[in-house]
Each structure stands twice: as C-alpha cells, then as structure tokens.
Amino acid sequence: IYLKAGFVVVFATCITYLFNLFALSKLKPTTVSVFIYLQPVIASIYALLVGSDTVNTIKILATALIFTGVYLVSKRAKVTINK
C-alpha cells in the first residue's frame, strides 16, 4: 500500500505540478490555466469510461462551473478609453 500511495504522491501530484511549471515557461498563462482547470473534468470522463464513477447533478453543476470559469479566463476583456 505504501508503494501505491507513494506512486500517487510522486507521479500524479509532484510530477504534474513540475510539468505545469515547465509549461508556464513555454506557453501563455491562460493556456496552462485552461489545462489546470480542465484536469478534474478529464479525470471524471476517464472514471466514467472505465466504470468507476457515475454522473450526478453535483458533478454536472461542477463541470458547468469549470467551463464557465475557463470561458471567463480565456475571453478577452473589452478595452475602453475614457477621454
């Protein structure tokens, strides 16, 4: 059990965050943030495909909130100049 927990801590957590830092040095911050925000959605889709999870109202609402946040982060702000 210690090997399995260590694998999750080292590879699924630490290595992922190191790759996120590396991506920030190569990509725009909005691109990296979109990927970070979509990770729970991707994990949920994978869990549904392998049959280890089910869909419920809370998950649908959470996914809608994530997509709303991604939209708000990635849309361009209107610039107005007051003279």
PDB file of N, CA and C in Angstrom:
ATOM      1  N   ILE A   1       0.818  -1.188   0.000  1.00  0.00           N
ATOM      2  CA  ILE A   1       0.000   0.000   0.000  1.00  0.00           C
ATOM      3  C   ILE A   1       0.874   1.269   0.000  1.00  0.00           C
ATOM      4  N   TYR A   2       2.051   1.193   0.629  1.00  0.00           N
ATOM      5  CA  TYR A   2       2.936   2.356   0.656  1.00  0.00           C
ATOM      6  C   TYR A   2       3.471   2.689  -0.737  1.00  0.00           C
ATOM      7  N   LEU A   3       3.738   1.664  -1.537  1.00  0.00           N
ATOM      8  CA  LEU A   3       4.194   1.910  -2.908  1.00  0.00           C
ATOM      9  C   LEU A   3       3.104   2.578  -3.743  1.00  0.00           C
ATOM     10  N   LYS A   4       1.877   2.123  -3.570  1.00  0.00           N
ATOM     11  CA  LYS A   4       0.768   2.725  -4.321  1.00  0.00           C
ATOM     12  C   LYS A   4       0.532   4.174  -3.898  1.00  0.00           C
ATOM     13  N   ALA A   5       0.560   4.431  -2.604  1.00  0.00           N
ATOM     14  CA  ALA A   5       0.386   5.804  -2.122  1.00  0.00           C
ATOM     15  C   ALA A   5       1.555   6.672  -2.563  1.00  0.00           C
ATOM     16  N   GLY A   6       2.764   6.142  -2.512  1.00  0.00           N
ATOM     17  CA  GLY A   6       3.938   6.885  -2.975  1.00  0.00           C
ATOM     18  C   GLY A   6       3.860   7.197  -4.455  1.00  0.00           C
ATOM     19  N   PHE A   7       3.365   6.255  -5.245  1.00  0.00           N
ATOM     20  CA  PHE A   7       3.204   6.495  -6.677  1.00  0.00           C
ATOM     21  C   PHE A   7       2.249   7.650  -6.928  1.00  0.00           C
ATOM     22  N   VAL A   8       1.128   7.662  -6.217  1.00  0.00           N
ATOM     23  CA  VAL A   8       0.150   8.744  -6.391  1.00  0.00           C
ATOM     24  C   VAL A   8       0.752  10.079  -5.983  1.00  0.00           C
ATOM     25  N   VAL A   9       1.457  10.099  -4.862  1.00  0.00           N
ATOM     26  CA  VAL A   9       2.038  11.354  -4.383  1.00  0.00           C
ATOM     27  C   VAL A   9       3.127  11.842  -5.322  1.00  0.00           C
ATOM     28  N   VAL A  10       4.036  10.960  -5.719  1.00  0.00           N
ATOM     29  CA  VAL A  10       5.176  11.393  -6.532  1.00  0.00           C
ATOM     30  C   VAL A  10       4.773  11.659  -7.974  1.00  0.00           C
ATOM     31  N   PHE A  11       4.134  10.724  -8.627  1.00  0.00           N
ATOM     32  CA  PHE A  11       3.878  10.874 -10.054  1.00  0.00           C
ATOM     33  C   PHE A  11       2.619  11.683 -10.357  1.00  0.00           C
ATOM     34  N   ALA A  12       1.541  11.361  -9.691  1.00  0.00           N
ATOM     35  CA  ALA A  12       0.289  12.039 -10.027  1.00  0.00           C
ATOM     36  C   ALA A  12       0.224  13.459  -9.480  1.00  0.00           C
ATOM     37  N   THR A  13       1.012  13.774  -8.467  1.00  0.00           N
ATOM     38  CA  THR A  13       0.961  15.102  -7.879  1.00  0.00           C
ATOM     39  C   THR A  13       2.210  15.912  -8.188  1.00  0.00           C
ATOM     40  N   CYS A  14       3.339  15.472  -7.695  1.00  0.00           N
ATOM     41  CA  CYS A  14       4.575  16.259  -7.821  1.00  0.00           C
ATOM     42  C   CYS A  14       5.007  16.429  -9.275  1.00  0.00           C
ATOM     43  N   ILE A  15       5.043  15.368 -10.026  1.00  0.00           N
ATOM     44  CA  ILE A  15       5.477  15.452 -11.423  1.00  0.00           C
ATOM     45  C   ILE A  15       4.512  16.312 -12.233  1.00  0.00           C
ATOM     46  N   THR A  16       3.220  16.204 -11.948  1.00  0.00           N
ATOM     47  CA  THR A  16       2.236  17.027 -12.658  1.00  0.00           C
ATOM     48  C   THR A  16       2.483  18.508 -12.407  1.00  0.00           C
ATOM     49  N   TYR A  17       2.739  18.882 -11.166  1.00  0.00           N
ATOM     50  CA  TYR A  17       2.995  20.290 -10.856  1.00  0.00           C
ATOM     51  C   TYR A  17       4.305  20.769 -11.464  1.00  0.00           C
ATOM     52  N   LEU A  18       5.307  19.909 -11.516  1.00  0.00           N
ATOM     53  CA  LEU A  18       6.564  20.291 -12.173  1.00  0.00           C
ATOM     54  C   LEU A  18       6.343  20.524 -13.667  1.00  0.00           C
ATOM     55  N   PHE A  19       5.534  19.677 -14.290  1.00  0.00           N
ATOM     56  CA  PHE A  19       5.223  19.890 -15.712  1.00  0.00           C
ATOM     57  C   PHE A  19       4.403  21.158 -15.924  1.00  0.00           C
ATOM     58  N   ASN A  20       3.530  21.487 -14.967  1.00  0.00           N
ATOM     59  CA  ASN A  20       2.783  22.741 -15.067  1.00  0.00           C
ATOM     60  C   ASN A  20       3.728  23.937 -15.013  1.00  0.00           C
ATOM     61  N   LEU A  21       4.725  23.893 -14.135  1.00  0.00           N
ATOM     62  CA  LEU A  21       5.715  24.972 -14.068  1.00  0.00           C
ATOM     63  C   LEU A  21       6.524  25.060 -15.356  1.00  0.00           C
ATOM     64  N   PHE A  22       6.896  23.907 -15.907  1.00  0.00           N
ATOM     65  CA  PHE A  22       7.618  23.892 -17.176  1.00  0.00           C
ATOM     66  C   PHE A  22       6.759  24.477 -18.294  1.00  0.00           C
ATOM     67  N   ALA A  23       5.479  24.113 -18.299  1.00  0.00           N
ATOM     68  CA  ALA A  23       4.572  24.634 -19.323  1.00  0.00           C
ATOM     69  C   ALA A  23       4.420  26.136 -19.213  1.00  0.00           C
ATOM     70  N   LEU A  24       4.410  26.662 -17.987  1.00  0.00           N
ATOM     71  CA  LEU A  24       4.309  28.114 -17.810  1.00  0.00           C
ATOM     72  C   LEU A  24       5.489  28.847 -18.412  1.00  0.00           C
ATOM     73  N   SER A  25       6.643  28.192 -18.476  1.00  0.00           N
ATOM     74  CA  SER A  25       7.811  28.847 -19.073  1.00  0.00           C
ATOM     75  C   SER A  25       7.762  28.806 -20.596  1.00  0.00           C
ATOM     76  N   LYS A  26       6.935  27.941 -21.164  1.00  0.00           N
ATOM     77  CA  LYS A  26       6.885  27.787 -22.623  1.00  0.00           C
ATOM     78  C   LYS A  26       5.588  28.309 -23.251  1.00  0.00           C
ATOM     79  N   LEU A  27       4.493  28.335 -22.500  1.00  0.00           N
ATOM     80  CA  LEU A  27       3.191  28.700 -23.044  1.00  0.00           C
ATOM     81  C   LEU A  27       2.643  29.934 -22.347  1.00  0.00           C
ATOM     82  N   LYS A  28       1.547  30.451 -22.891  1.00  0.00           N
ATOM     83  CA  LYS A  28       0.872  31.574 -22.249  1.00  0.00           C
ATOM     84  C   LYS A  28       0.192  31.082 -20.964  1.00  0.00           C
ATOM     85  N   PRO A  29       0.125  31.946 -19.952  1.00  0.00           N
ATOM     86  CA  PRO A  29      -0.510  31.528 -18.702  1.00  0.00           C
ATOM     87  C   PRO A  29      -1.965  31.091 -18.870  1.00  0.00           C
ATOM     88  N   THR A  30      -2.691  31.705 -19.806  1.00  0.00           N
ATOM     89  CA  THR A  30      -4.091  31.301 -19.994  1.00  0.00           C
ATOM     90  C   THR A  30      -4.191  29.875 -20.521  1.00  0.00           C
ATOM     91  N   THR A  31      -3.263  29.469 -21.372  1.00  0.00           N
ATOM     92  CA  THR A  31      -3.270  28.104 -21.901  1.00  0.00           C
ATOM     93  C   THR A  31      -3.044  27.098 -20.779  1.00  0.00           C
ATOM     94  N   VAL A  32      -2.084  27.386 -19.927  1.00  0.00           N
ATOM     95  CA  VAL A  32      -1.794  26.482 -18.811  1.00  0.00           C
ATOM     96  C   VAL A  32      -2.955  26.460 -17.823  1.00  0.00           C
ATOM     97  N   SER A  33      -3.553  27.617 -17.561  1.00  0.00           N
ATOM     98  CA  SER A  33      -4.668  27.653 -16.613  1.00  0.00           C
ATOM     99  C   SER A  33      -5.875  26.887 -17.140  1.00  0.00           C
ATOM    100  N   VAL A  34      -6.125  26.945 -18.446  1.00  0.00           N
ATOM    101  CA  VAL A  34      -7.226  26.174 -19.026  1.00  0.00           C
ATOM    102  C   VAL A  34      -6.985  24.686 -18.793  1.00  0.00           C
ATOM    103  N   PHE A  35      -5.757  24.237 -19.020  1.00  0.00           N
ATOM    104  CA  PHE A  35      -5.445  22.821 -18.801  1.00  0.00           C
ATOM    105  C   PHE A  35      -5.623  22.447 -17.329  1.00  0.00           C
ATOM    106  N   ILE A  36      -5.150  23.299 -16.425  1.00  0.00           N
ATOM    107  CA  ILE A  36      -5.264  23.002 -14.994  1.00  0.00           C
ATOM    108  C   ILE A  36      -6.735  22.932 -14.577  1.00  0.00           C
ATOM    109  N   TYR A  37      -7.543  23.868 -15.081  1.00  0.00           N
ATOM    110  CA  TYR A  37      -8.963  23.866 -14.717  1.00  0.00           C
ATOM    111  C   TYR A  37      -9.704  22.668 -15.307  1.00  0.00           C
ATOM    112  N   LEU A  38      -9.248  22.169 -16.441  1.00  0.00           N
ATOM    113  CA  LEU A  38      -9.944  21.044 -17.078  1.00  0.00           C
ATOM    114  C   LEU A  38      -9.492  19.677 -16.563  1.00  0.00           C
ATOM    115  N   GLN A  39      -8.450  19.621 -15.759  1.00  0.00           N
ATOM    116  CA  GLN A  39      -7.983  18.333 -15.245  1.00  0.00           C
ATOM    117  C   GLN A  39      -9.065  17.548 -14.494  1.00  0.00           C
ATOM    118  N   PRO A  40      -9.855  18.169 -13.620  1.00  0.00           N
ATOM    119  CA  PRO A  40     -10.916  17.377 -12.960  1.00  0.00           C
ATOM    120  C   PRO A  40     -11.966  16.848 -13.935  1.00  0.00           C
ATOM    121  N   VAL A  41     -12.256  17.613 -14.963  1.00  0.00           N
ATOM    122  CA  VAL A  41     -13.227  17.168 -15.971  1.00  0.00           C
ATOM    123  C   VAL A  41     -12.669  15.969 -16.732  1.00  0.00           C
ATOM    124  N   ILE A  42     -11.407  16.052 -17.119  1.00  0.00           N
ATOM    125  CA  ILE A  42     -10.765  14.945 -17.843  1.00  0.00           C
ATOM    126  C   ILE A  42     -10.721  13.700 -16.959  1.00  0.00           C
ATOM    127  N   ALA A  43     -10.387  13.871 -15.677  1.00  0.00           N
ATOM    128  CA  ALA A  43     -10.350  12.734 -14.754  1.00  0.00           C
ATOM    129  C   ALA A  43     -11.736  12.122 -14.579  1.00  0.00           C
ATOM    130  N   SER A  44     -12.762  12.950 -14.526  1.00  0.00           N
ATOM    131  CA  SER A  44     -14.130  12.430 -14.384  1.00  0.00           C
ATOM    132  C   SER A  44     -14.566  11.657 -15.618  1.00  0.00           C
ATOM    133  N   ILE A  45     -14.228  12.175 -16.795  1.00  0.00           N
ATOM    134  CA  ILE A  45     -14.568  11.468 -18.035  1.00  0.00           C
ATOM    135  C   ILE A  45     -13.873  10.115 -18.083  1.00  0.00           C
ATOM    136  N   TYR A  46     -12.605  10.081 -17.686  1.00  0.00           N
ATOM    137  CA  TYR A  46     -11.877   8.815 -17.660  1.00  0.00           C
ATOM    138  C   TYR A  46     -12.525   7.838 -16.674  1.00  0.00           C
ATOM    139  N   ALA A  47     -12.892   8.332 -15.487  1.00  0.00           N
ATOM    140  CA  ALA A  47     -13.530   7.471 -14.487  1.00  0.00           C
ATOM    141  C   ALA A  47     -14.862   6.928 -14.993  1.00  0.00           C
ATOM    142  N   LEU A  48     -15.594   7.745 -15.736  1.00  0.00           N
ATOM    143  CA  LEU A  48     -16.856   7.259 -16.318  1.00  0.00           C
ATOM    144  C   LEU A  48     -16.598   6.191 -17.371  1.00  0.00           C
ATOM    145  N   LEU A  49     -15.561   6.380 -18.189  1.00  0.00           N
ATOM    146  CA  LEU A  49     -15.259   5.415 -19.251  1.00  0.00           C
ATOM    147  C   LEU A  49     -14.846   4.056 -18.704  1.00  0.00           C
ATOM    148  N   VAL A  50     -14.107   4.041 -17.593  1.00  0.00           N
ATOM    149  CA  VAL A  50     -13.671   2.764 -17.030  1.00  0.00           C
ATOM    150  C   VAL A  50     -14.685   2.186 -16.050  1.00  0.00           C
ATOM    151  N   GLY A  51     -15.770   2.919 -15.805  1.00  0.00           N
ATOM    152  CA  GLY A  51     -16.853   2.401 -14.981  1.00  0.00           C
ATOM    153  C   GLY A  51     -16.666   2.537 -13.483  1.00  0.00           C
ATOM    154  N   SER A  52     -15.777   3.411 -13.044  1.00  0.00           N
ATOM    155  CA  SER A  52     -15.564   3.553 -11.601  1.00  0.00           C
ATOM    156  C   SER A  52     -16.260   4.779 -11.013  1.00  0.00           C
ATOM    157  N   ASP A  53     -17.100   5.433 -11.798  1.00  0.00           N
ATOM    158  CA  ASP A  53     -17.819   6.604 -11.301  1.00  0.00           C
ATOM    159  C   ASP A  53     -19.161   6.706 -12.015  1.00  0.00           C
ATOM    160  N   THR A  54     -20.044   7.497 -11.451  1.00  0.00           N
ATOM    161  CA  THR A  54     -21.347   7.733 -12.052  1.00  0.00           C
ATOM    162  C   THR A  54     -21.578   9.234 -12.149  1.00  0.00           C
ATOM    163  N   VAL A  55     -22.506   9.612 -13.006  1.00  0.00           N
ATOM    164  CA  VAL A  55     -22.841  11.019 -13.183  1.00  0.00           C
ATOM    165  C   VAL A  55     -23.995  11.368 -12.247  1.00  0.00           C
ATOM    166  N   ASN A  56     -23.866  12.528 -11.593  1.00  0.00           N
ATOM    167  CA  ASN A  56     -24.971  13.023 -10.787  1.00  0.00           C
ATOM    168  C   ASN A  56     -25.076  14.537 -10.970  1.00  0.00           C
ATOM    169  N   THR A  57     -26.044  15.135 -10.335  1.00  0.00           N
ATOM    170  CA  THR A  57     -26.324  16.561 -10.525  1.00  0.00           C
ATOM    171  C   THR A  57     -25.158  17.429 -10.069  1.00  0.00           C
ATOM    172  N   ILE A  58     -24.535  17.074  -8.980  1.00  0.00           N
ATOM    173  CA  ILE A  58     -23.423  17.886  -8.455  1.00  0.00           C
ATOM    174  C   ILE A  58     -22.259  17.894  -9.444  1.00  0.00           C
ATOM    175  N   LYS A  59     -21.960  16.750 -10.041  1.00  0.00           N
ATOM    176  CA  LYS A  59     -20.851  16.682 -11.000  1.00  0.00           C
ATOM    177  C   LYS A  59     -21.165  17.473 -12.261  1.00  0.00           C
ATOM    178  N   ILE A  60     -22.409  17.434 -12.694  1.00  0.00           N
ATOM    179  CA  ILE A  60     -22.795  18.218 -13.875  1.00  0.00           C
ATOM    180  C   ILE A  60     -22.690  19.707 -13.565  1.00  0.00           C
ATOM    181  N   LEU A  61     -23.150  20.119 -12.394  1.00  0.00           N
ATOM    182  CA  LEU A  61     -23.060  21.522 -11.996  1.00  0.00           C
ATOM    183  C   LEU A  61     -21.599  21.955 -11.850  1.00  0.00           C
ATOM    184  N   ALA A  62     -20.772  21.111 -11.254  1.00  0.00           N
ATOM    185  CA  ALA A  62     -19.350  21.440 -11.106  1.00  0.00           C
ATOM    186  C   ALA A  62     -18.671  21.577 -12.458  1.00  0.00           C
ATOM    187  N   THR A  63     -18.999  20.694 -13.391  1.00  0.00           N
ATOM    188  CA  THR A  63     -18.429  20.783 -14.735  1.00  0.00           C
ATOM    189  C   THR A  63     -18.866  22.066 -15.431  1.00  0.00           C
ATOM    190  N   ALA A  64     -20.130  22.440 -15.269  1.00  0.00           N
ATOM    191  CA  ALA A  64     -20.609  23.694 -15.867  1.00  0.00           C
ATOM    192  C   ALA A  64     -19.884  24.891 -15.268  1.00  0.00           C
ATOM    193  N   LEU A  65     -19.646  24.867 -13.963  1.00  0.00           N
ATOM    194  CA  LEU A  65     -18.905  25.953 -13.327  1.00  0.00           C
ATOM    195  C   LEU A  65     -17.456  26.015 -13.812  1.00  0.00           C
ATOM    196  N   ILE A  66     -16.842  24.861 -14.012  1.00  0.00           N
ATOM    197  CA  ILE A  66     -15.470  24.832 -14.523  1.00  0.00           C
ATOM    198  C   ILE A  66     -15.420  25.433 -15.921  1.00  0.00           C
ATOM    199  N   PHE A  67     -16.345  25.025 -16.804  1.00  0.00           N
ATOM    200  CA  PHE A  67     -16.348  25.571 -18.157  1.00  0.00           C
ATOM    201  C   PHE A  67     -16.658  27.063 -18.159  1.00  0.00           C
ATOM    202  N   THR A  68     -17.502  27.510 -17.245  1.00  0.00           N
ATOM    203  CA  THR A  68     -17.769  28.945 -17.125  1.00  0.00           C
ATOM    204  C   THR A  68     -16.500  29.684 -16.703  1.00  0.00           C
ATOM    205  N   GLY A  69     -15.779  29.136 -15.747  1.00  0.00           N
ATOM    206  CA  GLY A  69     -14.519  29.746 -15.318  1.00  0.00           C
ATOM    207  C   GLY A  69     -13.478  29.775 -16.417  1.00  0.00           C
ATOM    208  N   VAL A  70     -13.378  28.687 -17.171  1.00  0.00           N
ATOM    209  CA  VAL A  70     -12.426  28.647 -18.290  1.00  0.00           C
ATOM    210  C   VAL A  70     -12.800  29.688 -19.337  1.00  0.00           C
ATOM    211  N   TYR A  71     -14.084  29.833 -19.600  1.00  0.00           N
ATOM    212  CA  TYR A  71     -14.534  30.841 -20.559  1.00  0.00           C
ATOM    213  C   TYR A  71     -14.178  32.242 -20.073  1.00  0.00           C
ATOM    214  N   LEU A  72     -14.447  32.515 -18.807  1.00  0.00           N
ATOM    215  CA  LEU A  72     -14.160  33.846 -18.275  1.00  0.00           C
ATOM    216  C   LEU A  72     -12.669  34.154 -18.273  1.00  0.00           C
ATOM    217  N   VAL A  73     -11.843  33.149 -18.024  1.00  0.00           N
ATOM    218  CA  VAL A  73     -10.396  33.356 -18.021  1.00  0.00           C
ATOM    219  C   VAL A  73      -9.867  33.584 -19.433  1.00  0.00           C
ATOM    220  N   SER A  74     -10.439  32.900 -20.406  1.00  0.00           N
ATOM    221  CA  SER A  74      -9.867  32.938 -21.752  1.00  0.00           C
ATOM    222  C   SER A  74     -10.453  34.018 -22.653  1.00  0.00           C
ATOM    223  N   LYS A  75     -11.580  34.618 -22.263  1.00  0.00           N
ATOM    224  CA  LYS A  75     -12.154  35.643 -23.139  1.00  0.00           C
ATOM    225  C   LYS A  75     -11.380  36.950 -22.973  1.00  0.00           C
ATOM    226  N   ARG A  76     -11.330  37.700 -24.029  1.00  0.00           N
ATOM    227  CA  ARG A  76     -10.625  38.978 -23.999  1.00  0.00           C
ATOM    228  C   ARG A  76     -11.508  40.048 -23.399  1.00  0.00           C
ATOM    229  N   ALA A  77     -10.904  40.883 -22.596  1.00  0.00           N
ATOM    230  CA  ALA A  77     -11.652  41.982 -21.975  1.00  0.00           C
ATOM    231  C   ALA A  77     -11.760  43.130 -22.960  1.00  0.00           C
ATOM    232  N   LYS A  78     -12.902  43.792 -22.939  1.00  0.00           N
ATOM    233  CA  LYS A  78     -13.090  44.969 -23.800  1.00  0.00           C
ATOM    234  C   LYS A  78     -12.340  46.129 -23.171  1.00  0.00           C
ATOM    235  N   VAL A  79     -11.550  46.788 -23.986  1.00  0.00           N
ATOM    236  CA  VAL A  79     -10.791  47.933 -23.501  1.00  0.00           C
ATOM    237  C   VAL A  79     -11.507  49.209 -23.942  1.00  0.00           C
ATOM    238  N   THR A  80     -11.864  50.026 -22.968  1.00  0.00           N
ATOM    239  CA  THR A  80     -12.496  51.303 -23.297  1.00  0.00           C
ATOM    240  C   THR A  80     -11.615  52.410 -22.731  1.00  0.00           C
ATOM    241  N   ILE A  81     -11.486  53.437 -23.518  1.00  0.00           N
ATOM    242  CA  ILE A  81     -10.678  54.581 -23.110  1.00  0.00           C
ATOM    243  C   ILE A  81     -11.615  55.766 -22.925  1.00  0.00           C
ATOM    244  N   ASN A  82     -11.655  56.287 -21.733  1.00  0.00           N
ATOM    245  CA  ASN A  82     -12.479  57.455 -21.451  1.00  0.00           C
ATOM    246  C   ASN A  82     -11.651  58.715 -21.666  1.00  0.00           C
ATOM    247  N   LYS A  83     -12.181  59.617 -22.471  1.00  0.00           N
ATOM    248  CA  LYS A  83     -11.450  60.864 -22.725  1.00  0.00           C
ATOM    249  C   LYS A  83     -12.136  62.000 -22.063  1.00  0.00           C
TER     250      LYS A  83
END
